[in-house]
C-alpha cells in the first residue's frame, strides 16, 4: 500500500482550523473567569454606546444638512422658479399692454417689460448654476434660455409693425404670446414642479425623526442599567461611579435627542404651514391672474378675430373666483395667509373684485361693438379706473403678502440646522464621556482582582 504524502502546504492548511479552535478555546476560557467576563461586558457596553453615538451623530447631521438646504437652497430655488414663471407671464401681459397703447405707451410699461425679461434671464442663469445636474430642472432651464431671445425678437417685430400701422403686427404679437403660453410657460411650470419637489424632499429629510438612534440609545441605556443591577447583586455595592456616569451621559443624550428632534420638527412644520405653503398658494393665484390679464389684453389685440382669449380668460378666472373652501381660489389663498400677510391679502382680494367688475363692463362694451370704449375701460395711459389699474393694485398687494409669508418662513426655519449641528457635536461629546465612564467603571472592578 502506498504511503500518503503530506506536503508542506497541506500541513500549513491543516494547522489553520486547529489554530482557530485554539484561539476560540482561549477566549472561552478567558471569559469563564470573573475578570474575563468583566472585560467582555465592558467591551460590549462600550461598543453599544459607540454605535448609539455614531448613529445619533450621523442621523442628526443628515437632518441638519437637509434643514440647511431647505433654508438656503431648495426654498429659495423654489421661489426663484415661481418668480421666473411670474416674470415671463408678466412680460407677456406687459407686451400686449404696450402694443395696445401703441404711441401712448408710457415709459414705465416698456421698462416693466424689459425688467421682466432681465429678471427671468438672471434667475435662469442663477438657477442653472445652483441646481446641479438635476435633469428635472436643467432641461427646462436650457430650453427657456433658448426660447427667451426668440420670444423677445417676435415682440420687437410686432412693435415695429404696429408703429408703422401694419396689421401684421397683431399676428406677430399673437404668435409671440402663443410661444409663451404653449411652450415657455409649460417649461417654467416644469421647473417650478421640479424645485417644489426638491423642497418637499428636503423638508421631509429635515423633519424625519431619528428612530434608529433613539432605539439604540434606549437599548444602550437598558444594558447599562441592567449590568449595574447585576454588579449590585454580585458585590452589594450600590454605585459604580464610572457606569453611573456613562448611564447619565447616555440618558442625557437620549432625552436631548428626543427634545431636539421634536423641537426641530415643530419649527419646520411651522415654516411649512405658516410660510412655504401659503406662499405657494399666493404664487399660484398671482400667476393665474397674470395669465388671465394677458388673455384680457390679447383679446383686444385680436379685435374679435378669435374667441381663444375669452375662453382662456374664463378658464383662468373661474377657479380664482370660486368659493374660499376650494383650493386654488383667491379666497382660499387669502384664508391660508398668516397675520402679517392678512392686510395686503385682503386688499388684493378687494382689488381682484374691482378687476373682475371693470373687466365685465369693458367686455360688455366690446360685445356691443364699441371697441374704443372697451379699450379705454381695460387699459389707458394714466387711467386709475381701468381694469388694468385694478389688476396692478391687486398684483402689488399680492407681492406684499408674499414677502410677508417669506419672512414668516425664514423666521420659523432659520437656525434649525445650527441647532441640530450643536446637538450632533454634543452627542459626540456625551458618547465619549459614556465610553470613558464604562471603561473606568469596569477598570475599577478589574483592579479588585489584581
Protein backbone atom coordinates (compact mmCIF):
# COMPACT_ATOMS: atom_id res chain seq x y z
CA UNK A 1 0.00 0.00 0.00
CA UNK A 2 1.31 3.44 -0.89
CA UNK A 3 2.10 5.79 1.96
CA UNK A 4 0.21 9.12 1.76
CA UNK A 5 2.45 12.08 1.09
CA UNK A 6 1.85 15.09 3.24
CA UNK A 7 3.19 18.23 1.59
CA UNK A 8 4.28 21.34 3.42
CA UNK A 9 1.35 23.26 2.03
CA UNK A 10 -1.12 20.61 3.19
CA UNK A 11 0.37 20.75 6.64
CA UNK A 12 0.03 24.52 6.70
CA UNK A 13 -3.64 24.36 5.66
CA UNK A 14 -4.33 21.65 8.20
CA UNK A 15 -3.00 23.81 11.03
CA UNK A 16 -5.37 26.76 10.36
CA UNK A 17 -8.56 25.15 11.78
CA UNK A 18 -6.57 23.98 14.73
CA UNK A 19 -5.23 27.48 15.36
CA UNK A 20 -8.75 28.87 15.16
CA UNK A 21 -10.04 26.24 17.57
CA UNK A 22 -7.20 27.07 19.92
CA UNK A 23 -7.94 30.82 19.86
CA UNK A 24 -11.65 30.16 20.38
CA UNK A 25 -10.88 27.90 23.33
CA UNK A 26 -8.63 30.52 24.88
CA UNK A 27 -11.35 33.15 24.50
CA UNK A 28 -13.92 30.87 26.12
CA UNK A 29 -11.51 30.09 28.92
CA UNK A 30 -10.79 33.80 29.47
CA UNK A 31 -14.50 34.62 29.51
CA UNK A 32 -15.16 31.90 32.06
CA UNK A 33 -13.31 33.83 34.75
CA UNK A 34 -14.77 36.87 36.57
CA UNK A 35 -12.15 39.26 35.14
CA UNK A 36 -12.74 37.86 31.67
CA UNK A 37 -16.47 38.32 31.97
CA UNK A 38 -15.92 41.88 33.11
CA UNK A 39 -13.74 42.59 30.09
CA UNK A 40 -16.32 41.09 27.69
CA UNK A 41 -19.15 43.06 29.33
CA UNK A 42 -17.12 46.27 29.22
CA UNK A 43 -16.29 45.79 25.54
CA UNK A 44 -19.93 45.06 24.70
CA UNK A 45 -21.23 48.08 26.62
CA UNK A 46 -18.62 50.40 25.12
CA UNK A 47 -19.37 49.11 21.60
CA UNK A 48 -23.12 49.62 22.13
CA UNK A 49 -22.59 53.18 23.36
CA UNK A 50 -20.27 53.96 20.44
CA UNK A 51 -22.82 52.56 18.00
CA UNK A 52 -25.57 54.70 19.52
CA UNK A 53 -23.40 57.81 19.38
CA UNK A 54 -22.30 57.19 15.80
CA UNK A 55 -25.87 56.64 14.56
CA UNK A 56 -27.16 59.66 16.51
CA UNK A 57 -24.47 61.94 15.11
CA UNK A 58 -25.00 60.63 11.56
CA UNK A 59 -28.79 60.94 11.59
CA UNK A 60 -28.86 64.36 13.24
CA UNK A 61 -26.09 65.66 10.96
CA UNK A 62 -28.08 64.47 7.94
CA UNK A 63 -31.15 66.29 9.22
CA UNK A 64 -29.09 69.43 9.86
CA UNK A 65 -27.75 69.34 6.31
CA UNK A 66 -31.28 68.91 4.92
CA UNK A 67 -32.56 71.77 7.10
CA UNK A 68 -29.76 73.96 5.78
CA UNK A 69 -30.74 73.08 2.21
CA UNK A 70 -34.36 73.98 2.95
CA UNK A 71 -33.45 77.47 4.17
CA UNK A 72 -30.58 78.38 1.84
CA UNK A 73 -31.09 76.06 -1.13
CA UNK A 74 -34.34 74.40 -2.12
CA UNK A 75 -36.76 77.02 -0.75
CA UNK A 76 -35.03 79.99 -2.44
CA UNK A 77 -34.71 77.95 -5.64
CA UNK A 78 -38.40 77.06 -5.46
CA UNK A 79 -39.30 80.72 -5.02
CA UNK A 80 -36.93 81.73 -7.83
CA UNK A 81 -38.63 79.22 -10.13
CA UNK A 82 -42.00 80.77 -9.28
CA UNK A 83 -40.52 84.22 -9.93
CA UNK A 84 -39.22 83.06 -13.33
CA UNK A 85 -42.73 81.94 -14.21
CA UNK A 86 -44.22 85.19 -12.91
CA UNK A 87 -41.70 87.33 -14.82
CA UNK A 88 -42.41 85.51 -18.08
CA UNK A 89 -46.17 85.73 -17.63
CA UNK A 90 -45.92 89.41 -16.72
CA UNK A 91 -43.72 90.09 -19.76
CA UNK A 92 -46.41 88.57 -21.97
CA UNK A 93 -49.07 90.73 -20.31
CA UNK A 94 -46.99 93.92 -20.49
CA UNK A 95 -46.03 93.32 -24.13
CA UNK A 96 -49.72 93.16 -25.03
CA UNK A 97 -50.43 96.30 -22.99
CA UNK A 98 -47.66 98.23 -24.73
CA UNK A 99 -48.91 97.05 -28.11
CA UNK A 100 -52.45 98.25 -27.36
CA UNK A 101 -51.26 101.64 -26.12
CA UNK A 102 -49.01 101.99 -29.18
CA UNK A 103 -47.76 105.59 -29.37
CA UNK A 104 -49.29 106.35 -25.96
CA UNK A 105 -47.27 103.63 -24.24
CA UNK A 106 -45.78 105.08 -21.05
CA UNK A 107 -42.07 104.58 -20.46
CA UNK A 108 -42.93 102.69 -17.26
CA UNK A 109 -44.78 99.98 -19.23
CA UNK A 110 -41.85 99.46 -21.57
CA UNK A 111 -39.44 99.45 -18.63
CA UNK A 112 -41.56 96.83 -16.82
CA UNK A 113 -41.46 94.56 -19.87
CA UNK A 114 -37.69 94.88 -20.13
CA UNK A 115 -37.26 94.33 -16.39
CA UNK A 116 -39.35 91.15 -16.60
CA UNK A 117 -37.14 89.72 -19.33
CA UNK A 118 -33.98 90.76 -17.48
CA UNK A 119 -35.24 89.18 -14.24
CA UNK A 120 -36.16 85.93 -15.97
CA UNK A 121 -32.77 85.78 -17.72
CA UNK A 122 -30.85 86.49 -14.50
CA UNK A 123 -32.77 83.94 -12.44
CA UNK A 124 -32.39 81.30 -15.14
CA UNK A 125 -28.61 81.81 -15.09
CA UNK A 126 -28.52 81.59 -11.30
CA UNK A 127 -30.74 78.51 -11.30
CA UNK A 128 -28.52 76.80 -13.87
CA UNK A 129 -25.54 77.28 -11.55
CA UNK A 130 -27.35 76.17 -8.38
CA UNK A 131 -29.49 73.22 -9.47
CA UNK A 132 -26.51 70.97 -10.23
CA UNK A 133 -27.13 68.04 -12.56
CA UNK A 134 -30.84 67.62 -11.83
CA UNK A 135 -32.41 66.75 -15.21
CA UNK A 136 -35.83 67.85 -13.97
CA UNK A 137 -34.51 71.39 -13.60
CA UNK A 138 -31.70 71.63 -16.15
CA UNK A 139 -33.77 70.70 -19.21
CA UNK A 140 -36.40 73.45 -18.82
CA UNK A 141 -33.69 75.96 -17.88
CA UNK A 142 -31.72 75.18 -21.03
CA UNK A 143 -34.80 75.33 -23.23
CA UNK A 144 -36.08 78.56 -21.68
CA UNK A 145 -32.69 80.20 -22.25
CA UNK A 146 -33.02 79.20 -25.90
CA UNK A 147 -36.60 80.41 -26.34
CA UNK A 148 -36.33 83.72 -24.47
CA UNK A 149 -34.43 85.61 -27.22
CA UNK A 150 -36.81 84.18 -29.81
CA UNK A 151 -39.81 85.48 -27.89
CA UNK A 152 -38.23 88.92 -27.45
CA UNK A 153 -37.50 89.07 -31.19
CA UNK A 154 -41.12 88.32 -32.10
CA UNK A 155 -42.36 91.03 -29.73
CA UNK A 156 -39.97 93.59 -31.24
CA UNK A 157 -41.16 92.68 -34.73
CA UNK A 158 -44.77 93.12 -33.61
CA UNK A 159 -43.96 96.52 -32.09
CA UNK A 160 -42.14 97.69 -35.22
CA UNK A 161 -45.03 96.66 -37.50
CA UNK A 162 -47.53 98.26 -35.14
CA UNK A 163 -45.67 101.58 -35.21
CA UNK A 164 -45.96 101.53 -38.99
CA UNK A 165 -49.67 100.75 -38.80
CA UNK A 166 -49.24 97.29 -40.32
CA UNK A 167 -51.92 94.74 -39.32
CA UNK A 168 -49.24 92.06 -39.35
CA UNK A 169 -48.04 93.38 -36.02
CA UNK A 170 -51.04 91.86 -34.24
CA UNK A 171 -50.31 88.48 -35.82
CA UNK A 172 -46.69 88.61 -34.65
CA UNK A 173 -47.76 89.52 -31.13
CA UNK A 174 -50.25 86.65 -31.02
CA UNK A 175 -47.54 84.31 -32.31
CA UNK A 176 -45.18 85.54 -29.59
CA UNK A 177 -47.88 85.01 -26.97
CA UNK A 178 -48.57 81.51 -28.31
CA UNK A 179 -44.87 80.71 -27.92
CA UNK A 180 -45.02 81.99 -24.35
CA UNK A 181 -48.28 80.26 -23.38
CA UNK A 182 -47.79 76.95 -25.18
CA UNK A 183 -44.04 76.41 -24.82
CA UNK A 184 -42.28 78.72 -22.39
CA UNK A 185 -44.75 78.80 -19.52
CA UNK A 186 -45.19 74.99 -19.51
CA UNK A 187 -41.39 74.74 -19.33
CA UNK A 188 -41.38 77.23 -16.48
CA UNK A 189 -44.09 75.19 -14.76
CA UNK A 190 -42.00 72.04 -15.03
CA UNK A 191 -39.13 73.97 -13.39
CA UNK A 192 -41.50 75.08 -10.61
CA UNK A 193 -42.63 71.47 -10.13
CA UNK A 194 -39.03 70.18 -10.02
CA UNK A 195 -37.91 72.75 -7.46
CA UNK A 196 -41.08 72.31 -5.39
CA UNK A 197 -40.45 68.56 -5.36
CA UNK A 198 -36.89 69.14 -4.20
CA UNK A 199 -38.14 71.45 -1.44
CA UNK A 200 -40.66 68.84 -0.29
CA UNK A 201 -37.97 66.14 -0.29
CA UNK A 202 -35.54 68.28 1.73
CA UNK A 203 -38.34 69.23 4.10
CA UNK A 204 -39.15 65.56 4.61
CA UNK A 205 -35.49 64.65 5.24
CA UNK A 206 -35.05 67.50 7.71
CA UNK A 207 -38.29 66.66 9.56
CA UNK A 208 -37.74 62.91 9.81
CA UNK A 209 -37.38 61.54 13.35
CA UNK A 210 -34.10 59.68 14.13
CA UNK A 211 -35.84 56.45 15.15
CA UNK A 212 -32.80 54.19 14.80
CA UNK A 213 -30.69 56.42 17.05
CA UNK A 214 -33.43 56.65 19.65
CA UNK A 215 -33.91 52.86 19.73
CA UNK A 216 -30.17 52.26 20.03
CA UNK A 217 -30.00 54.83 22.82
CA UNK A 218 -32.76 53.06 24.75
CA UNK A 219 -31.04 49.70 24.25
CA UNK A 220 -27.71 51.13 25.46
CA UNK A 221 -29.44 52.74 28.42
CA UNK A 222 -31.20 49.48 29.30
CA UNK A 223 -27.98 47.48 29.02
CA UNK A 224 -26.10 49.88 31.29
CA UNK A 225 -28.85 49.82 33.94
CA UNK A 226 -29.16 46.05 33.79
CA UNK A 227 -25.43 45.48 34.14
CA UNK A 228 -25.29 47.78 37.17
CA UNK A 229 -28.09 45.74 38.74
CA UNK A 230 -26.06 42.57 38.04
CA UNK A 231 -22.98 44.10 39.68
CA UNK A 232 -25.04 45.18 42.68
CA UNK A 233 -26.36 41.65 43.20
CA UNK A 234 -22.85 40.23 42.98
CA UNK A 235 -21.00 42.82 45.04
CA UNK A 236 -23.68 44.53 47.16
CA UNK A 237 -22.23 47.86 46.07
CA UNK A 238 -24.94 50.36 45.19
CA UNK A 239 -22.93 52.70 42.97
CA UNK A 240 -20.28 52.26 40.33
CA UNK A 241 -19.17 55.83 39.57
CA UNK A 242 -17.95 55.09 36.06
CA UNK A 243 -21.05 53.19 34.97
CA UNK A 244 -23.30 55.73 36.65
CA UNK A 245 -21.55 58.47 34.69
CA UNK A 246 -21.97 56.50 31.46
CA UNK A 247 -25.66 55.93 32.18
CA UNK A 248 -26.23 59.62 32.92
CA UNK A 249 -24.45 60.64 29.71
CA UNK A 250 -26.49 58.24 27.57
CA UNK A 251 -29.71 59.27 29.32
CA UNK A 252 -28.95 62.94 28.68
CA UNK A 253 -28.13 62.18 25.04
CA UNK A 254 -31.42 60.27 24.57
CA UNK A 255 -33.54 62.95 26.26
CA UNK A 256 -31.81 65.72 24.32
CA UNK A 257 -32.15 63.74 21.08
CA UNK A 258 -35.90 63.42 21.62
CA UNK A 259 -36.35 67.06 22.61
CA UNK A 260 -34.12 68.42 19.83
CA UNK A 261 -35.82 66.30 17.18
CA UNK A 262 -39.27 67.30 18.36
CA UNK A 263 -38.32 70.98 18.51
CA UNK A 264 -36.71 70.96 15.06
CA UNK A 265 -39.66 69.07 13.60
CA UNK A 266 -42.11 71.58 15.11
CA UNK A 267 -40.13 74.54 13.73
CA UNK A 268 -40.00 73.02 10.25
CA UNK A 269 -43.71 72.16 10.37
CA UNK A 270 -44.44 75.78 11.32
CA UNK A 271 -42.26 77.02 8.46
CA UNK A 272 -44.26 74.90 6.04
CA UNK A 273 -47.67 75.78 7.48
CA UNK A 274 -47.02 79.49 8.00
CA UNK A 275 -44.54 80.15 5.21
CA UNK A 276 -43.89 77.91 2.24
CA UNK A 277 -47.42 76.53 1.83
CA UNK A 278 -49.25 79.92 1.96
CA UNK A 279 -46.51 81.34 -0.27
CA UNK A 280 -47.14 78.57 -2.78
CA UNK A 281 -50.87 79.40 -2.72
CA UNK A 282 -50.17 83.08 -3.34
CA UNK A 283 -47.76 82.29 -6.18
CA UNK A 284 -50.44 80.15 -7.84
CA UNK A 285 -53.05 82.92 -7.59
CA UNK A 286 -50.65 85.59 -8.80
CA UNK A 287 -49.52 83.57 -11.81
CA UNK A 288 -53.07 82.58 -12.82
CA UNK A 289 -54.16 86.23 -12.57
CA UNK A 290 -51.21 87.32 -14.75
CA UNK A 291 -52.14 84.81 -17.43
CA UNK A 292 -55.77 85.95 -17.31
CA UNK A 293 -54.66 89.56 -17.66
CA UNK A 294 -52.59 88.63 -20.71
CA UNK A 295 -55.65 86.94 -22.23
CA UNK A 296 -57.68 90.06 -21.46
CA UNK A 297 -55.24 92.28 -23.36
CA UNK A 298 -54.67 89.85 -26.23
CA UNK A 299 -58.41 89.58 -26.77
CA UNK A 300 -58.39 93.29 -27.58
CA UNK A 301 -55.36 92.82 -29.85
CA UNK A 302 -57.28 90.12 -31.73
CA UNK A 303 -60.27 92.51 -32.28
CA UNK A 304 -62.82 89.73 -32.34
CA UNK A 305 -60.98 87.53 -34.84
CA UNK A 306 -60.94 84.62 -32.36
CA UNK A 307 -62.62 83.61 -29.11
CA UNK A 308 -59.47 81.83 -27.86
CA UNK A 309 -58.62 84.55 -25.38
CA UNK A 310 -62.11 84.92 -23.91
CA UNK A 311 -62.15 81.17 -23.28
CA UNK A 312 -58.69 81.32 -21.72
CA UNK A 313 -59.83 84.21 -19.51
CA UNK A 314 -62.78 82.21 -18.22
CA UNK A 315 -60.71 79.05 -17.70
CA UNK A 316 -58.25 81.00 -15.55
CA UNK A 317 -60.57 83.37 -13.67
CA UNK A 318 -63.41 80.99 -12.82
CA UNK A 319 -61.26 78.85 -10.45
CA UNK A 320 -59.85 82.02 -8.86
CA UNK A 321 -63.36 83.33 -8.27
CA UNK A 322 -64.56 80.05 -6.69
CA UNK A 323 -65.59 79.85 -3.01
CA UNK A 324 -62.82 80.13 -0.41
CA UNK A 325 -63.20 76.47 0.53
CA UNK A 326 -61.93 75.43 -2.90
CA UNK A 327 -58.16 75.01 -3.22
CA UNK A 328 -56.66 77.29 -5.83
CA UNK A 329 -59.25 80.04 -5.35
CA UNK A 330 -58.41 83.59 -4.40
CA UNK A 331 -60.33 83.27 -1.14
CA UNK A 332 -58.51 80.06 -0.23
CA UNK A 333 -55.11 81.75 -0.71
CA UNK A 334 -56.19 84.70 1.44
CA UNK A 335 -57.53 82.40 4.18
CA UNK A 336 -54.25 80.44 4.23
CA UNK A 337 -52.24 83.58 4.93
CA UNK A 338 -50.73 84.39 8.32
CA UNK A 339 -51.39 87.60 10.32
CA UNK A 340 -48.55 89.58 8.70
CA UNK A 341 -49.99 88.85 5.26
CA UNK A 342 -53.68 89.30 6.10
CA UNK A 343 -53.95 93.03 5.39
CA UNK A 344 -52.26 93.09 1.94
CA UNK A 345 -54.00 89.84 1.01
CA UNK A 346 -57.41 91.25 1.92
CA UNK A 347 -56.67 94.41 -0.07
CA UNK A 348 -55.60 92.24 -3.00
CA UNK A 349 -58.91 90.38 -2.80
CA UNK A 350 -60.85 93.66 -2.97
CA UNK A 351 -58.78 94.78 -5.97
CA UNK A 352 -59.48 91.39 -7.58
CA UNK A 353 -63.23 92.04 -7.26
CA UNK A 354 -62.75 95.51 -8.82
CA UNK A 355 -60.77 93.99 -11.67
CA UNK A 356 -63.50 91.47 -12.46
CA UNK A 357 -66.18 94.17 -12.32
CA UNK A 358 -64.29 96.52 -14.64
CA UNK A 359 -63.43 93.68 -16.99
CA UNK A 360 -67.10 92.73 -17.33
CA UNK A 361 -68.05 96.33 -18.06
CA UNK A 362 -65.37 96.60 -20.76
CA UNK A 363 -66.34 93.22 -22.23
CA UNK A 364 -69.98 94.33 -22.47
CA UNK A 365 -68.91 97.41 -24.44
CA UNK A 366 -66.78 95.26 -26.73
CA UNK A 367 -69.72 92.90 -27.32
CA UNK A 368 -71.88 95.95 -28.18
CA UNK A 369 -69.37 96.92 -30.87
CA UNK A 370 -67.75 99.85 -29.04
CA UNK A 371 -64.12 98.74 -29.25
CA UNK A 372 -62.65 102.12 -28.28
CA UNK A 373 -64.73 102.28 -25.10
CA UNK A 374 -63.74 98.69 -24.27
CA UNK A 375 -60.09 99.60 -24.74
CA UNK A 376 -60.39 102.70 -22.53
CA UNK A 377 -62.14 100.64 -19.84
CA UNK A 378 -59.45 97.98 -19.95
CA UNK A 379 -56.28 99.96 -20.45
CA UNK A 380 -55.42 103.61 -20.82
CA UNK A 381 -52.33 105.67 -20.21
CA UNK A 382 -52.58 107.14 -16.72
CA UNK A 383 -56.11 105.82 -16.13
CA UNK A 384 -56.98 104.94 -12.50
CA UNK A 385 -60.43 103.47 -13.11
CA UNK A 386 -59.46 100.81 -15.65
CA UNK A 387 -59.31 97.03 -15.34
CA UNK A 388 -55.54 97.29 -15.72
CA UNK A 389 -55.29 99.71 -12.77
CA UNK A 390 -57.26 97.33 -10.55
CA UNK A 391 -55.08 94.43 -11.67
CA UNK A 392 -51.90 96.41 -10.93
CA UNK A 393 -53.11 97.17 -7.41
CA UNK A 394 -54.03 93.54 -6.86
CA UNK A 395 -50.66 92.29 -8.09
CA UNK A 396 -48.77 94.77 -5.88
CA UNK A 397 -50.71 93.70 -2.78
CA UNK A 398 -50.15 90.03 -3.59
CA UNK A 399 -46.43 90.75 -3.80
CA UNK A 400 -46.55 92.39 -0.34
CA UNK A 401 -48.38 89.38 1.09
CA UNK A 402 -45.84 87.02 -0.49
CA UNK A 403 -42.98 88.97 1.08
CA UNK A 404 -44.64 88.65 4.50
CA UNK A 405 -45.05 84.89 4.02
CA UNK A 406 -41.39 84.60 3.02
CA UNK A 407 -40.37 86.37 6.23
CA UNK A 408 -42.56 84.01 8.27
CA UNK A 409 -40.86 81.04 6.64
CA UNK A 410 -37.37 82.37 7.37
CA UNK A 411 -38.28 83.19 10.96
CA UNK A 412 -39.59 79.66 11.59
CA UNK A 413 -36.97 77.62 9.72
CA UNK A 414 -33.90 79.80 10.23
CA UNK A 415 -31.40 78.41 12.72
CA UNK A 416 -32.82 74.85 12.77
CA UNK A 417 -29.73 73.49 11.01
CA UNK A 418 -27.41 75.20 13.51
CA UNK A 419 -29.42 73.87 16.45
CA UNK A 420 -29.17 70.32 15.11
CA UNK A 421 -25.44 70.70 14.46
CA UNK A 422 -24.97 71.71 18.10
CA UNK A 423 -26.75 68.53 19.18
CA UNK A 424 -24.60 66.41 16.87
CA UNK A 425 -21.45 67.84 18.47
CA UNK A 426 -22.92 67.37 21.96
CA UNK A 427 -23.86 63.76 21.14
CA UNK A 428 -20.25 63.05 20.16
CA UNK A 429 -19.01 64.54 23.47
CA UNK A 430 -21.59 62.63 25.53
CA UNK A 431 -20.69 59.42 23.72
CA UNK A 432 -17.00 59.89 24.54
CA UNK A 433 -17.94 60.62 28.16
CA UNK A 434 -20.11 57.49 28.33
CA UNK A 435 -17.41 55.27 26.84
CA UNK A 436 -14.89 56.70 29.30
CA UNK A 437 -17.33 56.01 32.12
CA UNK A 438 -17.77 52.39 31.04
CA UNK A 439 -14.02 51.82 30.83
CA UNK A 440 -13.45 53.48 34.19
CA UNK A 441 -16.22 51.56 35.89
CA UNK A 442 -15.11 48.19 34.53
CA UNK A 443 -11.46 49.09 35.22
CA UNK A 444 -12.22 49.72 38.89
CA UNK A 445 -13.82 46.30 39.20
CA UNK A 446 -10.92 44.62 37.40
CA UNK A 447 -8.44 46.27 39.78
CA UNK A 448 -10.02 44.35 42.63
CA UNK A 449 -8.78 41.04 41.09
CA UNK A 450 -5.14 42.09 40.99
